[in-house]
Structures are given as structure tokens and as C-alpha cells.
Amino acid sequence: MADIVAIGEMIVDFTTVSGENGEIYYKQNAGGAPANVVCMAARLGTTSAIIGKVGKDIFGEFMKKELSDRGVDIRGVISDDKLLTALAFVRNTEDGSRDFMFYRKNTADLSLSFFEVDKSIIDACNIFHFGALSLVSEPAKSAAVNAVEYAKSKGKIISYDPNWRPGLWNSPDEAKKEMRSVLRYVDVIKVSEEELGIVSDCGNMLPGIAKLLDLGIKVVCVTQGAKGCFIATKKDIETCPAYTVETVDTLGSGDGFLGAFLHRLNESHKKPEELSSEELHDMASFANACGAMISMKKGAIPAMPDMKEVREFLAKYDDVCEIPGL
């Protein structure tokens, strides 16, 4: 069974590809933030699984095959013959940001109910991960919250990604309420600066981090793209600079960061609060490397490196974070 398990959306991403004469094509890739996280962990060698639902259609079958081929256990994935798989069209803008257009109304992932969740998969894991897009509507919201409560009751480490996608919510106020409603369960959170402001209701970074820690979260990771990241606990706050690379596409980089961080956390055989500042810094530096490598290629899951590729990447830098066996 899997050490890291996620629950949530599996979305097929269509990313832009430029052709001749200014033509634009869309390339099909497996995606969805929870799927990206467990795929990154699996690529690095951690047994990983996902719980969720796709349509019994060409996109759902594609999604399952892509994850399975990359080492993710999909026994917890249900194929629904009445609903379709969620889709997203992604465009990179001139300033380096991304525009998303989602086709996710009444899709299979949002119909997952708690009685369909295979709890034995949760029983066997060490880390249980979820994201805010499971909270958009019922019954998926109750399925995710009940699964998190169940995992927490079993002593699992809970990881959370608020993953702010405003176009998927009925209103910003509803989004903020739901994204904050689950913080009491969380041990590890990964946020962008914007997401930190949303979930903490603080306009400045340090007070926002302090508020999350006061809520009982053990580790707060604030990703800042090309600037690197902050990683904070009650004991310390560390800055980890980014690796300088030629960025092609940032899709999936944040998810890859979190998947790599959880991989290292699982390898440590420690609870988040037991980690030293040095261990956390090494984990964040390793995760930065994985996020940077993903940004060097198109797509999210297709761009994820395996451990051999990460070792080769890190060997080019003098200040290499410690990896067991490197």
C-alpha cells in the first residue's frame, strides 16, 4: 500500500503549443493538483496513491493510464459512466502568468461521496494530502473533509494545498470561508503569497505565517517562484533560494515542490514537528530543485523528474542539499 495518499481532482490539462504561422495547438496532459503531488512523490520513489473519480470516457481512461504508468496506485479511482472527466485549458501569458479555463461543472470528480472512499488505502498511508478544489461543491466536499477527519483520527500527517482558482468558486467570500474551514486539521501547508493572504486573512507575510502556526499547523511552506521559498515552524523560519533555470512553463511546479517535500518528509520517518531547521532547509532546497526542473519543460506530470535526473541536476550546484545516498 502507499505511504503518501491524496484525495481530489484528476483533471486533463490542455496546454498551448505554438505551431507554424502563429497557429496554436493544445497538448493533452494528465493533471489536477492532488494528482500532480502524488505523481511527483512516485517519480522520486515513494509509494503513492490517489482517491477520486473520473468519467468513464477517453479522458478518464487517459488520466488513469498516465498516473499508473508513472507509479501511482489508482485502486482508489472510480470511473463514472454517467459523468465526464474534468478538463482545463491553460494559456501562458506574456508576463509569465497563466490563464485557466475549466470545464468542471457536474463532472465526475465533484460527485465523489465518502461511502465510495476506500478507507483501507488511508489506513496504510503515512501522509494524507488534499486540496481546496475538493471543497467547491457537494458531495466531493464532504468526501474530502470526512476523509481528512478519518486520516487525522488514525494519526496520519495531513498535508493541504489551498490552490486558489477563483473561476471555480461561486464567490470570493465562499472560497475564503471554505479554504479556511479545514485549517484545524492541517500539519503541513503549501501556499503562494497570494494564498497565504487568503487563508490567514493577513496582508503581510510574517503575521500570516504566524497566524497559521498559531492554528496548530506544524510546517508552513510559502513558495515564491523564481525567488525560492520560506519554510516556517514554531521554532524557526528559513529562506531557501531558488535554482536559476531557463523557465519554459511553470504549470505543476508548485505541486512538484510539494510532492518532493512530502517525499523527503516520508523518508525522514519523523513527524513534521520533530524535524530540525537543517532538515527542513534541506527538504525545501530539494523541493525547490524539483519545482525548477518541472518549469524547464512543458506540461506538469510529463515534466516531472525522477531521482536520477534530480541527482544530476543538483550535481551542477556547489551547495547541494543532502539526499540519502547521493
C-alpha atoms as a PDB file:
ATOM      1  CA  MET A   1       0.000   0.000   0.000  1.00  0.00           C
ATOM      2  CA  ALA A   2       1.013   3.627  -0.399  1.00  0.00           C
ATOM      3  CA  ASP A   3       2.932   5.865   2.019  1.00  0.00           C
ATOM      4  CA  ILE A   4       1.503   9.082   0.511  1.00  0.00           C
ATOM      5  CA  VAL A   5      -2.176   9.237  -0.460  1.00  0.00           C
ATOM      6  CA  ALA A   6      -4.107  12.138  -1.953  1.00  0.00           C
ATOM      7  CA  ILE A   7      -7.807  12.698  -2.458  1.00  0.00           C
ATOM      8  CA  GLY A   8      -9.206  15.024  -5.077  1.00  0.00           C
ATOM      9  CA  GLU A   9      -9.469  16.118  -8.650  1.00  0.00           C
ATOM     10  CA  MET A  10      -7.830  14.476 -11.613  1.00  0.00           C
ATOM     11  CA  ILE A  11      -8.077  16.984 -14.451  1.00  0.00           C
ATOM     12  CA  VAL A  12      -6.832  16.602 -18.003  1.00  0.00           C
ATOM     13  CA  ASP A  13      -4.849  19.744 -18.860  1.00  0.00           C
ATOM     14  CA  PHE A  14      -4.670  21.106 -22.385  1.00  0.00           C
ATOM     15  CA  THR A  15      -1.611  23.338 -22.648  1.00  0.00           C
ATOM     16  CA  THR A  16      -0.789  25.618 -25.563  1.00  0.00           C
ATOM     17  CA  VAL A  17       1.774  24.679 -28.172  1.00  0.00           C
ATOM     18  CA  SER A  18       2.783  27.170 -30.867  1.00  0.00           C
ATOM     19  CA  GLY A  19       2.808  25.912 -34.438  1.00  0.00           C
ATOM     20  CA  GLU A  20       3.821  27.417 -37.741  1.00  0.00           C
ATOM     21  CA  ASN A  21       2.320  30.693 -38.957  1.00  0.00           C
ATOM     22  CA  GLY A  22       1.175  31.633 -35.469  1.00  0.00           C
ATOM     23  CA  GLU A  23      -1.111  28.633 -35.092  1.00  0.00           C
ATOM     24  CA  ILE A  24      -1.960  27.487 -31.567  1.00  0.00           C
ATOM     25  CA  TYR A  25      -2.430  23.831 -30.639  1.00  0.00           C
ATOM     26  CA  TYR A  26      -3.407  22.255 -27.355  1.00  0.00           C
ATOM     27  CA  LYS A  27      -1.474  19.289 -25.967  1.00  0.00           C
ATOM     28  CA  GLN A  28      -3.257  16.836 -23.683  1.00  0.00           C
ATOM     29  CA  ASN A  29      -1.546  16.138 -20.336  1.00  0.00           C
ATOM     30  CA  ALA A  30      -2.608  14.466 -17.098  1.00  0.00           C
ATOM     31  CA  GLY A  31      -3.085  16.998 -14.306  1.00  0.00           C
ATOM     32  CA  GLY A  32      -5.010  18.168 -11.275  1.00  0.00           C
ATOM     33  CA  ALA A  33      -3.102  19.366  -8.207  1.00  0.00           C
ATOM     34  CA  PRO A  34      -3.537  16.260  -5.976  1.00  0.00           C
ATOM     35  CA  ALA A  35      -2.622  14.003  -8.906  1.00  0.00           C
ATOM     36  CA  ASN A  36       0.456  16.114  -9.588  1.00  0.00           C
ATOM     37  CA  VAL A  37       1.594  15.883  -5.958  1.00  0.00           C
ATOM     38  CA  VAL A  38       1.400  12.093  -5.705  1.00  0.00           C
ATOM     39  CA  CYS A  39       2.888  11.656  -9.174  1.00  0.00           C
ATOM     40  CA  MET A  40       5.944  13.692  -8.152  1.00  0.00           C
ATOM     41  CA  ALA A  41       6.358  11.609  -4.999  1.00  0.00           C
ATOM     42  CA  ALA A  42       6.024   8.397  -7.001  1.00  0.00           C
ATOM     43  CA  ARG A  43       8.583   9.552  -9.554  1.00  0.00           C
ATOM     44  CA  LEU A  44      11.049  10.016  -6.682  1.00  0.00           C
ATOM     45  CA  GLY A  45      10.442   6.535  -5.340  1.00  0.00           C
ATOM     46  CA  THR A  46       7.768   6.925  -2.641  1.00  0.00           C
ATOM     47  CA  THR A  47       4.792   4.599  -2.894  1.00  0.00           C
ATOM     48  CA  SER A  48       1.832   6.850  -3.682  1.00  0.00           C
ATOM     49  CA  ALA A  49      -1.876   6.556  -4.392  1.00  0.00           C
ATOM     50  CA  ILE A  50      -4.851   8.733  -5.239  1.00  0.00           C
ATOM     51  CA  ILE A  51      -8.523   8.522  -4.309  1.00  0.00           C
ATOM     52  CA  GLY A  52     -11.045  10.150  -6.613  1.00  0.00           C
ATOM     53  CA  LYS A  53     -13.345   9.823  -9.578  1.00  0.00           C
ATOM     54  CA  VAL A  54     -13.084  10.310 -13.328  1.00  0.00           C
ATOM     55  CA  GLY A  55     -15.549   9.815 -16.141  1.00  0.00           C
ATOM     56  CA  LYS A  56     -15.718   6.515 -17.959  1.00  0.00           C
ATOM     57  CA  ASP A  57     -14.577   8.311 -21.088  1.00  0.00           C
ATOM     58  CA  ILE A  58     -11.439   8.760 -23.183  1.00  0.00           C
ATOM     59  CA  PHE A  59     -10.102  11.432 -20.831  1.00  0.00           C
ATOM     60  CA  GLY A  60     -10.694   9.407 -17.687  1.00  0.00           C
ATOM     61  CA  GLU A  61      -9.000   6.363 -19.166  1.00  0.00           C
ATOM     62  CA  PHE A  62      -6.093   8.556 -20.304  1.00  0.00           C
ATOM     63  CA  MET A  63      -5.780  10.031 -16.804  1.00  0.00           C
ATOM     64  CA  LYS A  64      -5.726   6.634 -15.104  1.00  0.00           C
ATOM     65  CA  LYS A  65      -3.181   5.204 -17.535  1.00  0.00           C
ATOM     66  CA  GLU A  66      -0.843   8.201 -17.205  1.00  0.00           C
ATOM     67  CA  LEU A  67      -0.836   8.020 -13.405  1.00  0.00           C
ATOM     68  CA  SER A  68      -0.492   4.239 -13.327  1.00  0.00           C
ATOM     69  CA  ASP A  69       2.358   4.340 -15.837  1.00  0.00           C
ATOM     70  CA  ARG A  70       4.191   6.749 -13.526  1.00  0.00           C
ATOM     71  CA  GLY A  71       3.843   4.533 -10.490  1.00  0.00           C
ATOM     72  CA  VAL A  72       0.724   5.930  -8.786  1.00  0.00           C
ATOM     73  CA  ASP A  73      -1.656   3.351  -7.293  1.00  0.00           C
ATOM     74  CA  ILE A  74      -5.097   4.047  -8.818  1.00  0.00           C
ATOM     75  CA  ARG A  75      -7.124   1.399  -6.983  1.00  0.00           C
ATOM     76  CA  GLY A  76      -9.000   4.207  -5.249  1.00  0.00           C
ATOM     77  CA  VAL A  77     -10.052   5.819  -8.535  1.00  0.00           C
ATOM     78  CA  ILE A  78     -13.644   5.216  -9.640  1.00  0.00           C
ATOM     79  CA  SER A  79     -14.802   5.504 -13.261  1.00  0.00           C
ATOM     80  CA  ASP A  80     -18.303   7.000 -13.520  1.00  0.00           C
ATOM     81  CA  ASP A  81     -20.302   6.083 -16.630  1.00  0.00           C
ATOM     82  CA  LYS A  82     -22.790   8.925 -16.156  1.00  0.00           C
ATOM     83  CA  LEU A  83     -20.455  11.933 -15.696  1.00  0.00           C
ATOM     84  CA  LEU A  84     -17.492  13.314 -17.618  1.00  0.00           C
ATOM     85  CA  THR A  85     -13.863  13.871 -16.624  1.00  0.00           C
ATOM     86  CA  ALA A  86     -12.943  17.464 -15.735  1.00  0.00           C
ATOM     87  CA  LEU A  87     -10.848  19.402 -18.252  1.00  0.00           C
ATOM     88  CA  ALA A  88      -8.719  22.564 -18.086  1.00  0.00           C
ATOM     89  CA  PHE A  89      -7.300  24.699 -20.873  1.00  0.00           C
ATOM     90  CA  VAL A  90      -4.155  26.541 -19.833  1.00  0.00           C
ATOM     91  CA  ARG A  91      -2.587  29.545 -21.568  1.00  0.00           C
ATOM     92  CA  ASN A  92       0.725  31.158 -20.678  1.00  0.00           C
ATOM     93  CA  THR A  93       0.517  34.944 -20.841  1.00  0.00           C
ATOM     94  CA  GLU A  94       3.263  37.363 -21.894  1.00  0.00           C
ATOM     95  CA  ASP A  95       4.075  38.308 -18.286  1.00  0.00           C
ATOM     96  CA  GLY A  96       4.733  34.660 -17.387  1.00  0.00           C
ATOM     97  CA  SER A  97       1.456  34.056 -15.536  1.00  0.00           C
ATOM     98  CA  ARG A  98      -1.202  31.565 -16.571  1.00  0.00           C
ATOM     99  CA  ASP A  99      -4.855  31.742 -17.540  1.00  0.00           C
ATOM    100  CA  PHE A 100      -7.089  28.760 -16.803  1.00  0.00           C
ATOM    101  CA  MET A 101     -10.407  27.881 -18.400  1.00  0.00           C
ATOM    102  CA  PHE A 102     -12.028  24.972 -16.575  1.00  0.00           C
ATOM    103  CA  TYR A 103     -14.723  22.599 -17.772  1.00  0.00           C
ATOM    104  CA  ARG A 104     -15.735  21.338 -14.347  1.00  0.00           C
ATOM    105  CA  LYS A 105     -19.470  21.697 -13.881  1.00  0.00           C
ATOM    106  CA  ASN A 106     -21.156  18.489 -12.731  1.00  0.00           C
ATOM    107  CA  THR A 107     -18.052  16.464 -13.544  1.00  0.00           C
ATOM    108  CA  ALA A 108     -17.148  13.074 -12.121  1.00  0.00           C
ATOM    109  CA  ASP A 109     -14.593  14.338  -9.580  1.00  0.00           C
ATOM    110  CA  LEU A 110     -17.183  16.521  -7.870  1.00  0.00           C
ATOM    111  CA  SER A 111     -19.572  13.564  -7.446  1.00  0.00           C
ATOM    112  CA  LEU A 112     -17.269  11.533  -5.177  1.00  0.00           C
ATOM    113  CA  SER A 113     -19.020  10.620  -1.928  1.00  0.00           C
ATOM    114  CA  PHE A 114     -17.442   9.430   1.298  1.00  0.00           C
ATOM    115  CA  PHE A 115     -19.011   5.959   1.135  1.00  0.00           C
ATOM    116  CA  GLU A 116     -17.087   5.466  -2.137  1.00  0.00           C
ATOM    117  CA  VAL A 117     -13.748   6.211  -0.440  1.00  0.00           C
ATOM    118  CA  ASP A 118     -11.676   3.091   0.204  1.00  0.00           C
ATOM    119  CA  LYS A 119     -10.585   3.754   3.784  1.00  0.00           C
ATOM    120  CA  SER A 120      -8.110   0.863   3.751  1.00  0.00           C
ATOM    121  CA  ILE A 121      -5.920   2.986   1.448  1.00  0.00           C
ATOM    122  CA  ILE A 122      -5.902   5.724   4.108  1.00  0.00           C
ATOM    123  CA  ASP A 123      -5.261   3.196   6.878  1.00  0.00           C
ATOM    124  CA  ALA A 124      -1.986   2.144   5.264  1.00  0.00           C
ATOM    125  CA  CYS A 125      -0.546   5.591   4.499  1.00  0.00           C
ATOM    126  CA  ASN A 126       1.775   7.876   6.437  1.00  0.00           C
ATOM    127  CA  ILE A 127       0.831  11.190   4.797  1.00  0.00           C
ATOM    128  CA  PHE A 128      -2.656  12.167   3.589  1.00  0.00           C
ATOM    129  CA  HIS A 129      -2.929  15.093   1.173  1.00  0.00           C
ATOM    130  CA  PHE A 130      -5.865  17.155  -0.071  1.00  0.00           C
ATOM    131  CA  GLY A 131      -6.537  20.479  -1.760  1.00  0.00           C
ATOM    132  CA  ALA A 132      -9.120  23.238  -1.702  1.00  0.00           C
ATOM    133  CA  LEU A 133     -10.684  22.342  -5.057  1.00  0.00           C
ATOM    134  CA  SER A 134     -12.311  19.338  -3.380  1.00  0.00           C
ATOM    135  CA  LEU A 135     -14.281  21.838  -1.267  1.00  0.00           C
ATOM    136  CA  VAL A 136     -16.030  23.614  -4.160  1.00  0.00           C
ATOM    137  CA  SER A 137     -19.279  21.611  -4.026  1.00  0.00           C
ATOM    138  CA  GLU A 138     -21.035  18.574  -2.591  1.00  0.00           C
ATOM    139  CA  PRO A 139     -20.709  15.636  -2.331  1.00  0.00           C
ATOM    140  CA  ALA A 140     -16.954  15.945  -3.018  1.00  0.00           C
ATOM    141  CA  LYS A 141     -16.566  18.450  -0.172  1.00  0.00           C
ATOM    142  CA  SER A 142     -17.981  16.090   2.454  1.00  0.00           C
ATOM    143  CA  ALA A 143     -15.999  13.196   0.993  1.00  0.00           C
ATOM    144  CA  ALA A 144     -12.752  15.133   1.346  1.00  0.00           C
ATOM    145  CA  VAL A 145     -13.462  16.573   4.810  1.00  0.00           C
ATOM    146  CA  ASN A 146     -14.636  13.220   6.171  1.00  0.00           C
ATOM    147  CA  ALA A 147     -11.586  11.501   4.680  1.00  0.00           C
ATOM    148  CA  VAL A 148      -9.303  14.091   6.286  1.00  0.00           C
ATOM    149  CA  GLU A 149     -11.052  13.673   9.642  1.00  0.00           C
ATOM    150  CA  TYR A 150     -10.694   9.906   9.324  1.00  0.00           C
ATOM    151  CA  ALA A 151      -6.996  10.176   8.441  1.00  0.00           C
ATOM    152  CA  LYS A 152      -6.417  12.578  11.345  1.00  0.00           C
ATOM    153  CA  SER A 153      -8.112  10.158  13.748  1.00  0.00           C
ATOM    154  CA  LYS A 154      -5.686   7.468  12.561  1.00  0.00           C
ATOM    155  CA  GLY A 155      -2.655   9.644  13.321  1.00  0.00           C
ATOM    156  CA  LYS A 156      -1.736  10.416   9.706  1.00  0.00           C
ATOM    157  CA  ILE A 157       0.211  13.546   8.734  1.00  0.00           C
ATOM    158  CA  ILE A 158      -2.208  15.898   6.959  1.00  0.00           C
ATOM    159  CA  SER A 159      -0.965  17.973   4.020  1.00  0.00           C
ATOM    160  CA  TYR A 160      -3.045  20.764   2.450  1.00  0.00           C
ATOM    161  CA  ASP A 161      -2.816  22.962  -0.638  1.00  0.00           C
ATOM    162  CA  PRO A 162      -5.318  25.855  -0.781  1.00  0.00           C
ATOM    163  CA  ASN A 163      -4.706  26.082  -4.562  1.00  0.00           C
ATOM    164  CA  TRP A 164      -6.560  29.332  -5.309  1.00  0.00           C
ATOM    165  CA  ARG A 165      -8.528  29.112  -8.590  1.00  0.00           C
ATOM    166  CA  PRO A 166     -11.115  31.913  -8.415  1.00  0.00           C
ATOM    167  CA  GLY A 167     -13.027  30.824 -11.532  1.00  0.00           C
ATOM    168  CA  LEU A 168     -14.173  27.603  -9.858  1.00  0.00           C
ATOM    169  CA  TRP A 169     -15.940  29.209  -6.900  1.00  0.00           C
ATOM    170  CA  ASN A 170     -19.336  30.891  -6.725  1.00  0.00           C
ATOM    171  CA  SER A 171     -17.799  33.902  -4.977  1.00  0.00           C
ATOM    172  CA  PRO A 172     -14.521  35.006  -3.354  1.00  0.00           C
ATOM    173  CA  ASP A 173     -16.217  35.096   0.061  1.00  0.00           C
ATOM    174  CA  GLU A 174     -17.378  31.490  -0.253  1.00  0.00           C
ATOM    175  CA  ALA A 175     -13.897  30.445  -1.371  1.00  0.00           C
ATOM    176  CA  LYS A 176     -12.212  32.122   1.593  1.00  0.00           C
ATOM    177  CA  LYS A 177     -14.664  30.577   4.053  1.00  0.00           C
ATOM    178  CA  GLU A 178     -14.221  27.052   2.702  1.00  0.00           C
ATOM    179  CA  MET A 179     -10.450  27.305   2.240  1.00  0.00           C
ATOM    180  CA  ARG A 180     -10.060  28.378   5.873  1.00  0.00           C
ATOM    181  CA  SER A 181     -12.580  25.871   7.277  1.00  0.00           C
ATOM    182  CA  VAL A 182     -10.150  22.928   7.131  1.00  0.00           C
ATOM    183  CA  LEU A 183      -7.032  24.554   8.599  1.00  0.00           C
ATOM    184  CA  ARG A 184      -7.606  22.962  12.002  1.00  0.00           C
ATOM    185  CA  TYR A 185      -6.768  19.540  10.557  1.00  0.00           C
ATOM    186  CA  VAL A 186      -3.550  20.515   8.799  1.00  0.00           C
ATOM    187  CA  ASP A 187       0.043  19.631   9.714  1.00  0.00           C
ATOM    188  CA  VAL A 188       1.819  20.801   6.523  1.00  0.00           C
ATOM    189  CA  ILE A 189       0.565  23.568   4.231  1.00  0.00           C
ATOM    190  CA  LYS A 190       1.980  24.820   0.948  1.00  0.00           C
ATOM    191  CA  VAL A 191       0.846  28.294  -0.147  1.00  0.00           C
ATOM    192  CA  SER A 192       1.779  31.017  -2.589  1.00  0.00           C
ATOM    193  CA  GLU A 193       1.995  34.547  -1.196  1.00  0.00           C
ATOM    194  CA  GLU A 194      -1.496  35.281  -2.511  1.00  0.00           C
ATOM    195  CA  GLU A 195      -2.914  32.096  -0.974  1.00  0.00           C
ATOM    196  CA  LEU A 196      -1.234  32.897   2.343  1.00  0.00           C
ATOM    197  CA  GLY A 197      -3.118  36.185   2.433  1.00  0.00           C
ATOM    198  CA  ILE A 198      -6.399  34.437   1.666  1.00  0.00           C
ATOM    199  CA  VAL A 199      -6.188  31.664   4.273  1.00  0.00           C
ATOM    200  CA  SER A 200      -4.607  33.772   7.017  1.00  0.00           C
ATOM    201  CA  ASP A 201      -6.560  36.989   6.342  1.00  0.00           C
ATOM    202  CA  CYS A 202      -3.290  38.885   6.841  1.00  0.00           C
ATOM    203  CA  GLY A 203      -1.839  41.375   4.399  1.00  0.00           C
ATOM    204  CA  ASN A 204       1.790  40.750   5.378  1.00  0.00           C
ATOM    205  CA  MET A 205       3.753  37.525   5.116  1.00  0.00           C
ATOM    206  CA  LEU A 206       5.221  37.141   8.615  1.00  0.00           C
ATOM    207  CA  PRO A 207       1.973  37.827  10.503  1.00  0.00           C
ATOM    208  CA  GLY A 208       0.207  35.473   8.065  1.00  0.00           C
ATOM    209  CA  ILE A 209       2.692  32.692   8.720  1.00  0.00           C
ATOM    210  CA  ALA A 210       2.465  33.284  12.480  1.00  0.00           C
ATOM    211  CA  LYS A 211      -1.320  33.036  12.364  1.00  0.00           C
ATOM    212  CA  LEU A 212      -1.216  29.672  10.584  1.00  0.00           C
ATOM    213  CA  LEU A 213       1.310  28.334  13.075  1.00  0.00           C
ATOM    214  CA  ASP A 214      -0.868  29.548  15.945  1.00  0.00           C
ATOM    215  CA  LEU A 215      -3.725  27.494  14.476  1.00  0.00           C
ATOM    216  CA  GLY A 216      -1.635  24.360  15.032  1.00  0.00           C
ATOM    217  CA  ILE A 217      -0.082  23.900  11.601  1.00  0.00           C
ATOM    218  CA  LYS A 218       3.389  22.460  12.087  1.00  0.00           C
ATOM    219  CA  VAL A 219       5.125  23.477   8.823  1.00  0.00           C
ATOM    220  CA  VAL A 220       4.230  26.395   6.540  1.00  0.00           C
ATOM    221  CA  CYS A 221       5.832  26.432   3.076  1.00  0.00           C
ATOM    222  CA  VAL A 222       5.434  29.704   1.165  1.00  0.00           C
ATOM    223  CA  THR A 223       6.527  29.310  -2.443  1.00  0.00           C
ATOM    224  CA  GLN A 224       7.675  32.401  -4.322  1.00  0.00           C
ATOM    225  CA  GLY A 225       8.528  31.094  -7.772  1.00  0.00           C
ATOM    226  CA  ALA A 226      11.879  32.373  -9.005  1.00  0.00           C
ATOM    227  CA  LYS A 227      12.617  33.850  -5.546  1.00  0.00           C
ATOM    228  CA  GLY A 228      12.550  30.465  -3.818  1.00  0.00           C
ATOM    229  CA  CYS A 229      10.531  29.801  -0.679  1.00  0.00           C
ATOM    230  CA  PHE A 230      10.067  30.401   3.020  1.00  0.00           C
ATOM    231  CA  ILE A 231       9.649  27.432   5.322  1.00  0.00           C
ATOM    232  CA  ALA A 232       8.423  28.127   8.831  1.00  0.00           C
ATOM    233  CA  THR A 233       7.780  26.283  12.079  1.00  0.00           C
ATOM    234  CA  LYS A 234       7.152  27.434  15.636  1.00  0.00           C
ATOM    235  CA  LYS A 235      10.915  27.160  16.210  1.00  0.00           C
ATOM    236  CA  ASP A 236      12.313  28.917  13.145  1.00  0.00           C
ATOM    237  CA  ILE A 237      11.758  30.432   9.714  1.00  0.00           C
ATOM    238  CA  GLU A 238      14.123  29.604   6.859  1.00  0.00           C
ATOM    239  CA  THR A 239      14.575  31.119   3.425  1.00  0.00           C
ATOM    240  CA  CYS A 240      15.572  28.804   0.576  1.00  0.00           C
ATOM    241  CA  PRO A 241      16.703  30.494  -2.642  1.00  0.00           C
ATOM    242  CA  ALA A 242      15.521  29.152  -5.972  1.00  0.00           C
ATOM    243  CA  TYR A 243      17.732  27.465  -8.551  1.00  0.00           C
ATOM    244  CA  THR A 244      18.350  29.653 -11.578  1.00  0.00           C
ATOM    245  CA  VAL A 245      16.995  27.917 -14.678  1.00  0.00           C
ATOM    246  CA  GLU A 246      15.521  28.843 -18.045  1.00  0.00           C
ATOM    247  CA  THR A 247      11.780  28.648 -17.414  1.00  0.00           C
ATOM    248  CA  VAL A 248       9.526  27.318 -20.154  1.00  0.00           C
ATOM    249  CA  ASP A 249       6.281  26.580 -18.292  1.00  0.00           C
ATOM    250  CA  THR A 250       5.515  26.885 -14.567  1.00  0.00           C
ATOM    251  CA  LEU A 251       2.457  24.598 -14.684  1.00  0.00           C
ATOM    252  CA  GLY A 252       2.827  21.973 -11.960  1.00  0.00           C
ATOM    253  CA  SER A 253       5.961  23.473 -10.397  1.00  0.00           C
ATOM    254  CA  GLY A 254       4.250  24.222  -7.080  1.00  0.00           C
ATOM    255  CA  ASP A 255       2.667  20.772  -6.972  1.00  0.00           C
ATOM    256  CA  GLY A 256       6.040  19.236  -7.809  1.00  0.00           C
ATOM    257  CA  PHE A 257       7.594  21.219  -4.962  1.00  0.00           C
ATOM    258  CA  LEU A 258       5.044  19.823  -2.525  1.00  0.00           C
ATOM    259  CA  GLY A 259       5.286  16.255  -3.831  1.00  0.00           C
ATOM    260  CA  ALA A 260       9.074  16.382  -3.462  1.00  0.00           C
ATOM    261  CA  PHE A 261       8.824  17.897   0.028  1.00  0.00           C
ATOM    262  CA  LEU A 262       6.389  15.185   1.153  1.00  0.00           C
ATOM    263  CA  HIS A 263       8.660  12.537  -0.357  1.00  0.00           C
ATOM    264  CA  ARG A 264      11.534  13.766   1.824  1.00  0.00           C
ATOM    265  CA  LEU A 265       9.267  14.092   4.866  1.00  0.00           C
ATOM    266  CA  ASN A 266       8.146  10.492   4.436  1.00  0.00           C
ATOM    267  CA  GLU A 267      11.771   9.367   4.090  1.00  0.00           C
ATOM    268  CA  SER A 268      12.645  11.087   7.384  1.00  0.00           C
ATOM    269  CA  HIS A 269      10.291   8.807   9.364  1.00  0.00           C
ATOM    270  CA  LYS A 270       9.564  11.817  11.569  1.00  0.00           C
ATOM    271  CA  LYS A 271       6.556  13.931  12.396  1.00  0.00           C
ATOM    272  CA  PRO A 272       6.797  17.485  10.989  1.00  0.00           C
ATOM    273  CA  GLU A 273       7.276  18.989  14.462  1.00  0.00           C
ATOM    274  CA  GLU A 274      10.251  16.680  15.105  1.00  0.00           C
ATOM    275  CA  LEU A 275      12.317  17.979  12.194  1.00  0.00           C
ATOM    276  CA  SER A 276      15.329  20.197  12.808  1.00  0.00           C
ATOM    277  CA  SER A 277      15.807  23.500  10.976  1.00  0.00           C
ATOM    278  CA  GLU A 278      18.629  21.925   8.974  1.00  0.00           C
ATOM    279  CA  GLU A 279      16.431  19.018   7.892  1.00  0.00           C
ATOM    280  CA  LEU A 280      13.622  21.341   6.843  1.00  0.00           C
ATOM    281  CA  HIS A 281      16.029  23.537   4.888  1.00  0.00           C
ATOM    282  CA  ASP A 282      17.399  20.513   3.031  1.00  0.00           C
ATOM    283  CA  MET A 283      13.880  19.304   2.250  1.00  0.00           C
ATOM    284  CA  ALA A 284      12.835  22.712   0.938  1.00  0.00           C
ATOM    285  CA  SER A 285      16.005  23.052  -1.139  1.00  0.00           C
ATOM    286  CA  PHE A 286      15.386  19.631  -2.660  1.00  0.00           C
ATOM    287  CA  ALA A 287      11.766  20.574  -3.362  1.00  0.00           C
ATOM    288  CA  ASN A 288      12.913  23.844  -4.980  1.00  0.00           C
ATOM    289  CA  ALA A 289      15.129  21.822  -7.315  1.00  0.00           C
ATOM    290  CA  CYS A 290      12.236  19.612  -8.391  1.00  0.00           C
ATOM    291  CA  GLY A 291       9.971  22.614  -8.951  1.00  0.00           C
ATOM    292  CA  ALA A 292      12.677  24.316 -11.010  1.00  0.00           C
ATOM    293  CA  MET A 293      13.215  21.223 -13.155  1.00  0.00           C
ATOM    294  CA  ILE A 294       9.488  20.986 -13.931  1.00  0.00           C
ATOM    295  CA  SER A 295       9.474  24.624 -15.056  1.00  0.00           C
ATOM    296  CA  MET A 296      12.123  23.835 -17.673  1.00  0.00           C
ATOM    297  CA  LYS A 297       9.676  21.732 -19.730  1.00  0.00           C
ATOM    298  CA  LYS A 298       6.102  21.949 -20.974  1.00  0.00           C
ATOM    299  CA  GLY A 299       3.305  20.359 -19.024  1.00  0.00           C
ATOM    300  CA  ALA A 300       3.121  19.269 -15.388  1.00  0.00           C
ATOM    301  CA  ILE A 301       3.296  15.489 -14.971  1.00  0.00           C
ATOM    302  CA  PRO A 302       5.287  14.889 -18.196  1.00  0.00           C
ATOM    303  CA  ALA A 303       7.939  17.324 -16.927  1.00  0.00           C
ATOM    304  CA  MET A 304       8.454  15.671 -13.538  1.00  0.00           C
ATOM    305  CA  PRO A 305      11.968  14.293 -12.982  1.00  0.00           C
ATOM    306  CA  ASP A 306      12.932  11.005 -11.398  1.00  0.00           C
ATOM    307  CA  MET A 307      15.585  10.743  -8.681  1.00  0.00           C
ATOM    308  CA  LYS A 308      18.410  10.086 -11.146  1.00  0.00           C
ATOM    309  CA  GLU A 309      17.583  13.308 -13.008  1.00  0.00           C
ATOM    310  CA  VAL A 310      17.363  15.265  -9.742  1.00  0.00           C
ATOM    311  CA  ARG A 311      20.771  13.976  -8.649  1.00  0.00           C
ATOM    312  CA  GLU A 312      22.289  15.036 -11.973  1.00  0.00           C
ATOM    313  CA  PHE A 313      20.670  18.475 -11.665  1.00  0.00           C
ATOM    314  CA  LEU A 314      21.902  19.015  -8.111  1.00  0.00           C
ATOM    315  CA  ALA A 315      25.410  17.847  -9.011  1.00  0.00           C
ATOM    316  CA  LYS A 316      25.775  21.047 -11.069  1.00  0.00           C
ATOM    317  CA  TYR A 317      25.477  23.184  -7.931  1.00  0.00           C
ATOM    318  CA  ASP A 318      28.072  23.614  -5.190  1.00  0.00           C
ATOM    319  CA  ASP A 319      25.560  23.914  -2.362  1.00  0.00           C
ATOM    320  CA  VAL A 320      23.816  20.574  -2.812  1.00  0.00           C
ATOM    321  CA  CYS A 321      21.162  19.684  -0.287  1.00  0.00           C
ATOM    322  CA  GLU A 322      21.725  16.377   1.449  1.00  0.00           C
ATOM    323  CA  ILE A 323      19.965  13.447  -0.146  1.00  0.00           C
ATOM    324  CA  PRO A 324      20.328   9.999   1.381  1.00  0.00           C
ATOM    325  CA  GLY A 325      22.688   8.021  -0.832  1.00  0.00           C
ATOM    326  CA  LEU A 326      23.728  10.970  -3.045  1.00  0.00           C
END
